[in-house]
Amino acid sequence: MLNEKDKKFLEDSIRDIKDFPKPGIVFKDITTLLSNAKALKVLMSHLETRYASYNLNYIAGIDARGFIFGSILADRLGLGFVPIRKKGKLPYSTVSEKYSLEYGFDEVEIHIDAFGKDGLTHHKKPSKVLLIDDLIATGGTAKAAVKLIDSVGAECVECCFIMELSFLEATKDIKVPVYSVLNIN
């Protein structure tokens, strides 16, 4: 677990942008965390320690900021990384999942063979996958991503978010355990 000092350090490394992308919204800008070598190291060392004993086969990251954290963590754990992308961005055969937005729908997709043949390990067990992204707000993208991982035969064992907007209570609808490094109220 992260101690309170490190949590505060990470929180302080994230910049608030008021009224972005529209009035009344406070955008949590992680670019300042990424450009702070010490903050990024604290975060990634914490995640590496947390997930080292999970016996994972893959890390899956949600387009686009989940790619950053997921790739670093996959490298640190010696695992493969699988991107979950917005519709139309992957070049091979895919499966997709729609999710609701406040103004309509969006869709994410994954390669049908992202986790090997039928999502199984060489021991014929489902691949164990950690899903990671920078932020969970309403949870639509995360729920769709978990469904995608399961739909190709793998098992999403946990969702990890760098930040959770706790007041929106999005994690209660996710069917797998959720770990959020920072909880924003």
N, C-alpha and C. Protein backbone atom coordinates (compact mmCIF):
# COMPACT_ATOMS: atom_id res chain seq x y z
N MET A 1 0.83 -1.19 0.00
CA MET A 1 0.00 0.00 0.00
C MET A 1 0.87 1.25 0.00
N LEU A 2 0.40 2.25 -0.68
CA LEU A 2 1.10 3.53 -0.67
C LEU A 2 0.90 4.23 0.67
N ASN A 3 1.95 4.80 1.20
CA ASN A 3 1.78 5.56 2.44
C ASN A 3 1.17 6.93 2.11
N GLU A 4 0.69 7.61 3.12
CA GLU A 4 0.00 8.90 2.92
C GLU A 4 0.92 9.96 2.31
N LYS A 5 2.18 9.93 2.69
CA LYS A 5 3.14 10.89 2.13
C LYS A 5 3.27 10.70 0.62
N ASP A 6 3.41 9.45 0.17
CA ASP A 6 3.54 9.18 -1.26
C ASP A 6 2.24 9.49 -2.01
N LYS A 7 1.09 9.19 -1.39
CA LYS A 7 -0.19 9.55 -2.02
C LYS A 7 -0.28 11.06 -2.23
N LYS A 8 0.09 11.81 -1.20
CA LYS A 8 0.04 13.27 -1.28
C LYS A 8 1.00 13.77 -2.36
N PHE A 9 2.18 13.17 -2.42
CA PHE A 9 3.16 13.53 -3.44
C PHE A 9 2.60 13.30 -4.84
N LEU A 10 1.96 12.15 -5.04
CA LEU A 10 1.37 11.86 -6.35
C LEU A 10 0.22 12.82 -6.66
N GLU A 11 -0.65 13.04 -5.69
CA GLU A 11 -1.76 13.98 -5.90
C GLU A 11 -1.24 15.36 -6.28
N ASP A 12 -0.20 15.81 -5.60
CA ASP A 12 0.37 17.13 -5.87
C ASP A 12 1.06 17.21 -7.23
N SER A 13 1.41 16.05 -7.80
CA SER A 13 2.07 16.04 -9.10
C SER A 13 1.06 16.09 -10.26
N ILE A 14 -0.22 16.03 -9.95
CA ILE A 14 -1.27 16.08 -10.97
C ILE A 14 -1.87 17.48 -10.98
N ARG A 15 -1.89 18.08 -12.15
CA ARG A 15 -2.35 19.47 -12.30
C ARG A 15 -3.87 19.49 -12.53
N ASP A 16 -4.54 20.43 -11.87
CA ASP A 16 -5.97 20.68 -12.11
C ASP A 16 -6.12 21.78 -13.16
N ILE A 17 -6.94 21.51 -14.16
CA ILE A 17 -7.26 22.51 -15.18
C ILE A 17 -8.75 22.81 -15.05
N LYS A 18 -9.08 24.00 -14.58
CA LYS A 18 -10.48 24.38 -14.38
C LYS A 18 -11.15 24.69 -15.71
N ASP A 19 -12.43 24.31 -15.78
CA ASP A 19 -13.29 24.58 -16.95
C ASP A 19 -12.77 23.94 -18.24
N PHE A 20 -12.20 22.75 -18.11
CA PHE A 20 -11.77 21.99 -19.29
C PHE A 20 -12.33 20.58 -19.19
N PRO A 21 -12.94 20.04 -20.21
CA PRO A 21 -13.11 20.58 -21.55
C PRO A 21 -14.31 21.53 -21.69
N LYS A 22 -15.07 21.70 -20.59
CA LYS A 22 -16.18 22.64 -20.65
C LYS A 22 -16.37 23.27 -19.27
N PRO A 23 -17.08 24.38 -19.19
CA PRO A 23 -17.27 25.07 -17.91
C PRO A 23 -17.83 24.15 -16.82
N GLY A 24 -17.26 24.28 -15.61
CA GLY A 24 -17.70 23.49 -14.47
C GLY A 24 -16.92 22.22 -14.25
N ILE A 25 -16.12 21.80 -15.22
CA ILE A 25 -15.32 20.58 -15.10
C ILE A 25 -13.92 20.96 -14.62
N VAL A 26 -13.38 20.15 -13.68
CA VAL A 26 -11.98 20.29 -13.27
C VAL A 26 -11.25 19.06 -13.82
N PHE A 27 -10.45 19.27 -14.84
CA PHE A 27 -9.73 18.20 -15.53
C PHE A 27 -8.47 17.86 -14.74
N LYS A 28 -8.26 16.57 -14.51
CA LYS A 28 -7.06 16.08 -13.82
C LYS A 28 -6.01 15.75 -14.88
N ASP A 29 -5.00 16.60 -14.99
CA ASP A 29 -3.97 16.50 -16.03
C ASP A 29 -2.79 15.68 -15.52
N ILE A 30 -2.63 14.46 -16.05
CA ILE A 30 -1.55 13.58 -15.61
C ILE A 30 -0.22 13.86 -16.30
N THR A 31 -0.21 14.76 -17.29
CA THR A 31 1.06 15.02 -17.99
C THR A 31 2.12 15.53 -17.03
N THR A 32 1.71 16.22 -15.98
CA THR A 32 2.67 16.71 -15.00
C THR A 32 3.22 15.58 -14.13
N LEU A 33 2.43 14.54 -13.89
CA LEU A 33 2.93 13.36 -13.19
C LEU A 33 3.92 12.62 -14.09
N LEU A 34 3.57 12.48 -15.36
CA LEU A 34 4.44 11.77 -16.30
C LEU A 34 5.78 12.47 -16.49
N SER A 35 5.79 13.79 -16.47
CA SER A 35 7.04 14.52 -16.70
C SER A 35 7.88 14.65 -15.42
N ASN A 36 7.32 14.24 -14.29
CA ASN A 36 8.05 14.27 -13.02
C ASN A 36 8.63 12.88 -12.78
N ALA A 37 9.91 12.72 -13.07
CA ALA A 37 10.55 11.39 -13.00
C ALA A 37 10.38 10.73 -11.64
N LYS A 38 10.48 11.52 -10.57
CA LYS A 38 10.34 10.94 -9.22
C LYS A 38 8.91 10.45 -8.99
N ALA A 39 7.92 11.24 -9.37
CA ALA A 39 6.52 10.85 -9.18
C ALA A 39 6.19 9.60 -9.99
N LEU A 40 6.65 9.56 -11.24
CA LEU A 40 6.38 8.39 -12.07
C LEU A 40 7.04 7.15 -11.49
N LYS A 41 8.24 7.30 -10.96
CA LYS A 41 8.93 6.16 -10.35
C LYS A 41 8.20 5.68 -9.10
N VAL A 42 7.74 6.61 -8.26
CA VAL A 42 6.98 6.22 -7.06
C VAL A 42 5.73 5.44 -7.46
N LEU A 43 5.00 5.95 -8.43
CA LEU A 43 3.77 5.30 -8.88
C LEU A 43 4.06 3.92 -9.45
N MET A 44 4.99 3.83 -10.38
CA MET A 44 5.24 2.56 -11.06
C MET A 44 5.88 1.53 -10.13
N SER A 45 6.71 1.97 -9.20
CA SER A 45 7.28 1.03 -8.22
C SER A 45 6.17 0.46 -7.33
N HIS A 46 5.24 1.31 -6.95
CA HIS A 46 4.09 0.86 -6.16
C HIS A 46 3.28 -0.18 -6.93
N LEU A 47 2.96 0.10 -8.18
CA LEU A 47 2.17 -0.84 -8.98
C LEU A 47 2.92 -2.14 -9.23
N GLU A 48 4.22 -2.04 -9.47
CA GLU A 48 5.03 -3.25 -9.67
C GLU A 48 5.00 -4.13 -8.43
N THR A 49 5.16 -3.53 -7.26
CA THR A 49 5.12 -4.29 -6.01
C THR A 49 3.74 -4.91 -5.81
N ARG A 50 2.69 -4.14 -6.04
CA ARG A 50 1.33 -4.65 -5.85
C ARG A 50 1.03 -5.86 -6.74
N TYR A 51 1.42 -5.79 -8.00
CA TYR A 51 1.00 -6.82 -8.95
C TYR A 51 2.03 -7.93 -9.20
N ALA A 52 3.18 -7.87 -8.56
CA ALA A 52 4.22 -8.88 -8.77
C ALA A 52 3.75 -10.29 -8.42
N SER A 53 2.89 -10.42 -7.42
CA SER A 53 2.46 -11.75 -6.97
C SER A 53 1.12 -12.19 -7.57
N TYR A 54 0.59 -11.46 -8.51
CA TYR A 54 -0.73 -11.79 -9.09
C TYR A 54 -0.67 -12.89 -10.14
N ASN A 55 0.52 -13.31 -10.54
CA ASN A 55 0.68 -14.33 -11.58
C ASN A 55 -0.09 -13.98 -12.85
N LEU A 56 0.06 -12.74 -13.29
CA LEU A 56 -0.62 -12.25 -14.49
C LEU A 56 0.06 -12.77 -15.74
N ASN A 57 -0.71 -12.85 -16.81
CA ASN A 57 -0.16 -13.19 -18.11
C ASN A 57 -0.01 -11.95 -19.00
N TYR A 58 -0.91 -10.96 -18.82
CA TYR A 58 -0.91 -9.76 -19.64
C TYR A 58 -1.38 -8.55 -18.84
N ILE A 59 -0.98 -7.38 -19.34
CA ILE A 59 -1.55 -6.11 -18.90
C ILE A 59 -2.30 -5.56 -20.11
N ALA A 60 -3.54 -5.14 -19.92
CA ALA A 60 -4.31 -4.49 -20.97
C ALA A 60 -4.54 -3.04 -20.57
N GLY A 61 -4.33 -2.13 -21.50
CA GLY A 61 -4.51 -0.71 -21.23
C GLY A 61 -5.55 -0.11 -22.14
N ILE A 62 -6.32 0.82 -21.58
CA ILE A 62 -7.39 1.48 -22.34
C ILE A 62 -6.82 2.71 -23.04
N ASP A 63 -7.19 2.86 -24.30
CA ASP A 63 -6.82 3.98 -25.17
C ASP A 63 -7.14 5.31 -24.49
N ALA A 64 -6.24 6.19 -24.34
CA ALA A 64 -4.85 6.18 -24.74
C ALA A 64 -3.93 6.24 -23.52
N ARG A 65 -4.37 6.87 -22.44
CA ARG A 65 -3.45 7.03 -21.30
C ARG A 65 -3.18 5.71 -20.58
N GLY A 66 -4.09 4.75 -20.68
CA GLY A 66 -3.82 3.43 -20.12
C GLY A 66 -2.66 2.73 -20.81
N PHE A 67 -2.38 3.14 -22.06
CA PHE A 67 -1.24 2.59 -22.79
C PHE A 67 0.07 2.95 -22.09
N ILE A 68 0.14 4.15 -21.57
CA ILE A 68 1.38 4.63 -20.95
C ILE A 68 1.69 3.80 -19.71
N PHE A 69 0.75 3.80 -18.77
CA PHE A 69 0.97 3.09 -17.50
C PHE A 69 1.05 1.58 -17.72
N GLY A 70 0.20 1.07 -18.60
CA GLY A 70 0.18 -0.36 -18.87
C GLY A 70 1.46 -0.87 -19.49
N SER A 71 2.00 -0.13 -20.43
CA SER A 71 3.25 -0.54 -21.08
C SER A 71 4.42 -0.55 -20.09
N ILE A 72 4.50 0.48 -19.28
CA ILE A 72 5.58 0.54 -18.29
C ILE A 72 5.46 -0.63 -17.31
N LEU A 73 4.24 -0.87 -16.82
CA LEU A 73 4.03 -1.95 -15.86
C LEU A 73 4.29 -3.31 -16.49
N ALA A 74 3.83 -3.50 -17.71
CA ALA A 74 4.09 -4.78 -18.40
C ALA A 74 5.59 -5.03 -18.52
N ASP A 75 6.34 -4.01 -18.89
CA ASP A 75 7.79 -4.14 -19.00
C ASP A 75 8.41 -4.50 -17.66
N ARG A 76 7.99 -3.82 -16.61
CA ARG A 76 8.55 -4.08 -15.28
C ARG A 76 8.24 -5.49 -14.80
N LEU A 77 7.07 -6.03 -15.18
CA LEU A 77 6.67 -7.37 -14.74
C LEU A 77 7.06 -8.47 -15.73
N GLY A 78 7.64 -8.08 -16.86
CA GLY A 78 8.05 -9.06 -17.87
C GLY A 78 6.86 -9.68 -18.58
N LEU A 79 5.82 -8.89 -18.82
CA LEU A 79 4.59 -9.39 -19.45
C LEU A 79 4.34 -8.69 -20.78
N GLY A 80 3.44 -9.27 -21.56
CA GLY A 80 3.00 -8.62 -22.78
C GLY A 80 1.95 -7.56 -22.47
N PHE A 81 1.85 -6.59 -23.37
CA PHE A 81 0.87 -5.51 -23.24
C PHE A 81 -0.14 -5.62 -24.37
N VAL A 82 -1.43 -5.45 -24.04
CA VAL A 82 -2.50 -5.51 -25.04
C VAL A 82 -3.28 -4.19 -25.01
N PRO A 83 -3.35 -3.50 -26.16
CA PRO A 83 -4.12 -2.27 -26.22
C PRO A 83 -5.61 -2.52 -26.45
N ILE A 84 -6.42 -1.79 -25.72
CA ILE A 84 -7.86 -1.75 -25.98
C ILE A 84 -8.11 -0.38 -26.59
N ARG A 85 -8.53 -0.37 -27.87
CA ARG A 85 -8.55 0.86 -28.64
C ARG A 85 -9.96 1.30 -28.99
N LYS A 86 -10.04 2.55 -29.38
CA LYS A 86 -11.28 3.07 -29.93
C LYS A 86 -11.56 2.36 -31.26
N LYS A 87 -12.82 2.24 -31.62
CA LYS A 87 -13.24 1.52 -32.83
C LYS A 87 -12.50 2.03 -34.07
N GLY A 88 -12.06 1.07 -34.89
CA GLY A 88 -11.43 1.39 -36.17
C GLY A 88 -9.94 1.64 -36.12
N LYS A 89 -9.29 1.44 -34.99
CA LYS A 89 -7.85 1.73 -34.85
C LYS A 89 -6.97 0.50 -34.90
N LEU A 90 -7.55 -0.70 -34.77
CA LEU A 90 -6.75 -1.92 -34.78
C LEU A 90 -6.78 -2.56 -36.17
N PRO A 91 -5.65 -3.06 -36.66
CA PRO A 91 -5.55 -3.50 -38.04
C PRO A 91 -6.02 -4.93 -38.33
N TYR A 92 -6.20 -5.75 -37.32
CA TYR A 92 -6.52 -7.16 -37.53
C TYR A 92 -7.97 -7.41 -37.12
N SER A 93 -8.44 -8.63 -37.18
CA SER A 93 -9.80 -8.98 -36.79
C SER A 93 -10.03 -8.65 -35.32
N THR A 94 -11.16 -8.03 -35.04
CA THR A 94 -11.43 -7.55 -33.68
C THR A 94 -12.82 -7.96 -33.21
N VAL A 95 -13.02 -7.81 -31.92
CA VAL A 95 -14.37 -7.82 -31.34
C VAL A 95 -14.53 -6.46 -30.67
N SER A 96 -15.76 -6.00 -30.61
CA SER A 96 -15.97 -4.66 -30.06
C SER A 96 -17.09 -4.67 -29.03
N GLU A 97 -17.13 -3.62 -28.25
CA GLU A 97 -18.14 -3.46 -27.21
C GLU A 97 -18.54 -1.99 -27.16
N LYS A 98 -19.85 -1.74 -27.25
CA LYS A 98 -20.36 -0.37 -27.14
C LYS A 98 -20.61 -0.04 -25.68
N TYR A 99 -20.53 1.26 -25.39
CA TYR A 99 -20.86 1.74 -24.04
C TYR A 99 -21.49 3.11 -24.15
N SER A 100 -22.25 3.44 -23.14
CA SER A 100 -23.01 4.69 -23.14
C SER A 100 -22.17 5.87 -22.68
N LEU A 101 -22.42 6.99 -23.30
CA LEU A 101 -21.89 8.28 -22.88
C LEU A 101 -23.08 9.16 -22.55
N GLU A 102 -22.84 10.28 -21.90
CA GLU A 102 -23.97 11.14 -21.58
C GLU A 102 -24.61 11.72 -22.83
N TYR A 103 -23.89 11.73 -23.95
CA TYR A 103 -24.40 12.31 -25.20
C TYR A 103 -24.56 11.29 -26.31
N GLY A 104 -24.43 9.99 -26.01
CA GLY A 104 -24.59 8.97 -27.05
C GLY A 104 -23.85 7.70 -26.68
N PHE A 105 -23.15 7.14 -27.68
CA PHE A 105 -22.43 5.89 -27.50
C PHE A 105 -21.03 6.02 -28.06
N ASP A 106 -20.15 5.17 -27.55
CA ASP A 106 -18.82 5.01 -28.12
C ASP A 106 -18.54 3.52 -28.15
N GLU A 107 -17.40 3.14 -28.68
CA GLU A 107 -17.10 1.72 -28.84
C GLU A 107 -15.60 1.50 -28.73
N VAL A 108 -15.23 0.41 -28.04
CA VAL A 108 -13.84 0.00 -27.96
C VAL A 108 -13.71 -1.40 -28.52
N GLU A 109 -12.49 -1.74 -28.92
CA GLU A 109 -12.28 -3.06 -29.50
C GLU A 109 -10.92 -3.62 -29.14
N ILE A 110 -10.80 -4.92 -29.38
CA ILE A 110 -9.58 -5.66 -29.07
C ILE A 110 -9.39 -6.70 -30.16
N HIS A 111 -8.14 -7.06 -30.44
CA HIS A 111 -7.89 -8.13 -31.41
C HIS A 111 -8.44 -9.45 -30.88
N ILE A 112 -8.99 -10.25 -31.77
CA ILE A 112 -9.59 -11.52 -31.34
C ILE A 112 -8.56 -12.48 -30.74
N ASP A 113 -7.31 -12.32 -31.11
CA ASP A 113 -6.25 -13.20 -30.60
C ASP A 113 -5.30 -12.46 -29.65
N ALA A 114 -5.78 -11.41 -29.01
CA ALA A 114 -4.94 -10.56 -28.17
C ALA A 114 -4.23 -11.34 -27.06
N PHE A 115 -4.88 -12.36 -26.54
CA PHE A 115 -4.31 -13.12 -25.42
C PHE A 115 -3.99 -14.55 -25.84
N GLY A 116 -3.68 -14.74 -27.11
CA GLY A 116 -3.38 -16.07 -27.63
C GLY A 116 -4.63 -16.75 -28.15
N LYS A 117 -4.48 -17.96 -28.60
CA LYS A 117 -5.60 -18.71 -29.16
C LYS A 117 -6.67 -18.91 -28.09
N ASP A 118 -7.85 -18.42 -28.34
CA ASP A 118 -9.00 -18.52 -27.44
C ASP A 118 -8.73 -17.94 -26.05
N GLY A 119 -7.74 -17.06 -25.93
CA GLY A 119 -7.44 -16.42 -24.65
C GLY A 119 -6.80 -17.33 -23.62
N LEU A 120 -6.39 -18.53 -24.04
CA LEU A 120 -5.86 -19.51 -23.09
C LEU A 120 -4.34 -19.48 -23.03
N THR A 121 -3.80 -19.78 -21.86
CA THR A 121 -2.35 -19.92 -21.71
C THR A 121 -1.95 -21.27 -22.31
N HIS A 122 -0.66 -21.52 -22.36
CA HIS A 122 -0.20 -22.83 -22.86
C HIS A 122 -0.60 -23.97 -21.94
N HIS A 123 -1.08 -23.64 -20.73
CA HIS A 123 -1.58 -24.66 -19.80
C HIS A 123 -3.10 -24.85 -19.94
N LYS A 124 -3.68 -24.24 -20.97
CA LYS A 124 -5.12 -24.34 -21.28
C LYS A 124 -6.00 -23.68 -20.23
N LYS A 125 -5.43 -22.75 -19.47
CA LYS A 125 -6.21 -21.97 -18.52
C LYS A 125 -6.38 -20.57 -19.10
N PRO A 126 -7.47 -19.89 -18.75
CA PRO A 126 -7.64 -18.52 -19.27
C PRO A 126 -6.47 -17.62 -18.85
N SER A 127 -6.02 -16.80 -19.77
CA SER A 127 -4.98 -15.83 -19.45
C SER A 127 -5.50 -14.87 -18.39
N LYS A 128 -4.66 -14.59 -17.39
CA LYS A 128 -5.02 -13.65 -16.32
C LYS A 128 -4.54 -12.26 -16.73
N VAL A 129 -5.49 -11.32 -16.76
CA VAL A 129 -5.22 -9.99 -17.30
C VAL A 129 -5.55 -8.92 -16.26
N LEU A 130 -4.66 -7.95 -16.15
CA LEU A 130 -4.92 -6.74 -15.38
C LEU A 130 -5.28 -5.64 -16.37
N LEU A 131 -6.40 -4.97 -16.13
CA LEU A 131 -6.82 -3.84 -16.95
C LEU A 131 -6.40 -2.56 -16.24
N ILE A 132 -5.77 -1.63 -16.97
CA ILE A 132 -5.30 -0.39 -16.34
C ILE A 132 -5.69 0.82 -17.18
N ASP A 133 -6.00 1.91 -16.48
CA ASP A 133 -6.26 3.20 -17.12
C ASP A 133 -5.92 4.29 -16.13
N ASP A 134 -5.87 5.51 -16.61
CA ASP A 134 -5.48 6.62 -15.73
C ASP A 134 -6.60 7.06 -14.81
N LEU A 135 -7.85 7.01 -15.27
CA LEU A 135 -8.95 7.59 -14.52
C LEU A 135 -10.22 6.81 -14.73
N ILE A 136 -10.99 6.64 -13.66
CA ILE A 136 -12.35 6.12 -13.80
C ILE A 136 -13.30 7.21 -13.30
N ALA A 137 -14.22 7.56 -14.18
CA ALA A 137 -15.24 8.57 -13.84
C ALA A 137 -16.59 7.87 -13.79
N THR A 138 -17.22 7.69 -14.95
CA THR A 138 -18.54 7.04 -14.97
C THR A 138 -18.43 5.52 -15.11
N GLY A 139 -17.30 5.02 -15.61
CA GLY A 139 -17.06 3.58 -15.67
C GLY A 139 -17.47 2.89 -16.96
N GLY A 140 -18.06 3.60 -17.90
CA GLY A 140 -18.52 2.97 -19.14
C GLY A 140 -17.42 2.29 -19.92
N THR A 141 -16.32 2.96 -20.10
CA THR A 141 -15.21 2.39 -20.87
C THR A 141 -14.63 1.18 -20.15
N ALA A 142 -14.47 1.28 -18.86
CA ALA A 142 -13.90 0.17 -18.08
C ALA A 142 -14.80 -1.07 -18.15
N LYS A 143 -16.10 -0.88 -17.98
CA LYS A 143 -17.02 -2.03 -18.05
C LYS A 143 -16.97 -2.69 -19.43
N ALA A 144 -16.91 -1.87 -20.48
CA ALA A 144 -16.82 -2.41 -21.84
C ALA A 144 -15.50 -3.16 -22.03
N ALA A 145 -14.42 -2.64 -21.49
CA ALA A 145 -13.11 -3.29 -21.62
C ALA A 145 -13.07 -4.64 -20.90
N VAL A 146 -13.66 -4.72 -19.72
CA VAL A 146 -13.73 -5.99 -18.99
C VAL A 146 -14.51 -7.01 -19.82
N LYS A 147 -15.62 -6.60 -20.40
CA LYS A 147 -16.41 -7.50 -21.26
C LYS A 147 -15.60 -7.98 -22.45
N LEU A 148 -14.81 -7.08 -23.05
CA LEU A 148 -13.98 -7.46 -24.19
C LEU A 148 -12.95 -8.52 -23.80
N ILE A 149 -12.28 -8.31 -22.69
CA ILE A 149 -11.27 -9.27 -22.23
C ILE A 149 -11.91 -10.64 -22.04
N ASP A 150 -13.05 -10.67 -21.38
CA ASP A 150 -13.76 -11.93 -21.17
C ASP A 150 -14.25 -12.54 -22.48
N SER A 151 -14.66 -11.70 -23.42
CA SER A 151 -15.25 -12.20 -24.68
C SER A 151 -14.24 -12.92 -25.56
N VAL A 152 -12.95 -12.66 -25.37
CA VAL A 152 -11.94 -13.37 -26.16
C VAL A 152 -11.30 -14.51 -25.37
N GLY A 153 -11.92 -14.90 -24.26
CA GLY A 153 -11.52 -16.09 -23.53
C GLY A 153 -10.54 -15.87 -22.39
N ALA A 154 -10.13 -14.65 -22.14
CA ALA A 154 -9.22 -14.38 -21.03
C ALA A 154 -10.03 -14.01 -19.79
N GLU A 155 -9.34 -13.77 -18.68
CA GLU A 155 -10.00 -13.42 -17.43
C GLU A 155 -9.41 -12.11 -16.89
N CYS A 156 -10.25 -11.10 -16.80
CA CYS A 156 -9.82 -9.85 -16.18
C CYS A 156 -9.88 -10.07 -14.67
N VAL A 157 -8.72 -10.07 -14.02
CA VAL A 157 -8.67 -10.36 -12.59
C VAL A 157 -8.81 -9.12 -11.72
N GLU A 158 -8.49 -7.95 -12.30
CA GLU A 158 -8.65 -6.70 -11.55
C GLU A 158 -8.54 -5.53 -12.52
N CYS A 159 -9.19 -4.43 -12.15
CA CYS A 159 -9.04 -3.15 -12.84
C CYS A 159 -8.23 -2.23 -11.94
N CYS A 160 -7.27 -1.54 -12.52
CA CYS A 160 -6.44 -0.60 -11.78
C CYS A 160 -6.57 0.77 -12.43
N PHE A 161 -6.84 1.76 -11.59
CA PHE A 161 -6.93 3.14 -12.07
C PHE A 161 -5.99 4.00 -11.24
N ILE A 162 -5.32 4.92 -11.88
CA ILE A 162 -4.43 5.82 -11.16
C ILE A 162 -5.28 6.75 -10.29
N MET A 163 -6.42 7.22 -10.85
CA MET A 163 -7.34 8.09 -10.10
C MET A 163 -8.77 7.60 -10.26
N GLU A 164 -9.52 7.73 -9.19
CA GLU A 164 -10.95 7.42 -9.22
C GLU A 164 -11.71 8.64 -8.71
N LEU A 165 -12.69 9.07 -9.48
CA LEU A 165 -13.59 10.13 -9.02
C LEU A 165 -14.65 9.44 -8.16
N SER A 166 -14.32 9.27 -6.90
CA SER A 166 -15.12 8.46 -5.97
C SER A 166 -16.57 8.89 -5.86
N PHE A 167 -16.83 10.18 -5.95
CA PHE A 167 -18.19 10.69 -5.79
C PHE A 167 -19.13 10.22 -6.89
N LEU A 168 -18.59 9.72 -8.00
CA LEU A 168 -19.45 9.21 -9.08
C LEU A 168 -19.82 7.74 -8.88
N GLU A 169 -19.15 7.05 -7.96
CA GLU A 169 -19.44 5.67 -7.58
C GLU A 169 -19.48 4.69 -8.77
N ALA A 170 -18.61 4.89 -9.74
CA ALA A 170 -18.61 4.05 -10.94
C ALA A 170 -18.11 2.64 -10.69
N THR A 171 -17.28 2.45 -9.68
CA THR A 171 -16.68 1.12 -9.48
C THR A 171 -17.68 0.09 -8.97
N LYS A 172 -18.80 0.53 -8.41
CA LYS A 172 -19.78 -0.43 -7.88
C LYS A 172 -20.40 -1.29 -8.98
N ASP A 173 -20.37 -0.84 -10.22
CA ASP A 173 -20.95 -1.59 -11.33
C ASP A 173 -19.95 -2.45 -12.09
N ILE A 174 -18.70 -2.44 -11.68
CA ILE A 174 -17.69 -3.25 -12.35
C ILE A 174 -17.65 -4.61 -11.68
N LYS A 175 -17.69 -5.65 -12.48
CA LYS A 175 -17.87 -7.02 -11.98
C LYS A 175 -16.59 -7.70 -11.49
N VAL A 176 -15.46 -7.01 -11.52
CA VAL A 176 -14.20 -7.57 -11.01
C VAL A 176 -13.67 -6.62 -9.95
N PRO A 177 -12.71 -7.07 -9.13
CA PRO A 177 -12.14 -6.16 -8.13
C PRO A 177 -11.53 -4.93 -8.80
N VAL A 178 -11.58 -3.81 -8.09
CA VAL A 178 -11.05 -2.54 -8.58
C VAL A 178 -10.07 -1.99 -7.55
N TYR A 179 -8.92 -1.54 -8.05
CA TYR A 179 -7.94 -0.86 -7.20
C TYR A 179 -7.68 0.52 -7.79
N SER A 180 -7.86 1.54 -6.98
CA SER A 180 -7.56 2.90 -7.39
C SER A 180 -6.44 3.44 -6.50
N VAL A 181 -5.38 3.92 -7.12
CA VAL A 181 -4.24 4.45 -6.37
C VAL A 181 -4.65 5.68 -5.60
N LEU A 182 -5.35 6.59 -6.28
CA LEU A 182 -5.80 7.84 -5.66
C LEU A 182 -7.32 7.97 -5.78
N ASN A 183 -7.96 8.37 -4.71
CA ASN A 183 -9.41 8.60 -4.73
C ASN A 183 -9.65 10.10 -4.61
N ILE A 184 -10.32 10.63 -5.62
CA ILE A 184 -10.62 12.06 -5.67
C ILE A 184 -12.09 12.25 -5.30
N ASN A 185 -12.34 13.05 -4.28
CA ASN A 185 -13.73 13.29 -3.86
C ASN A 185 -14.26 14.60 -4.39
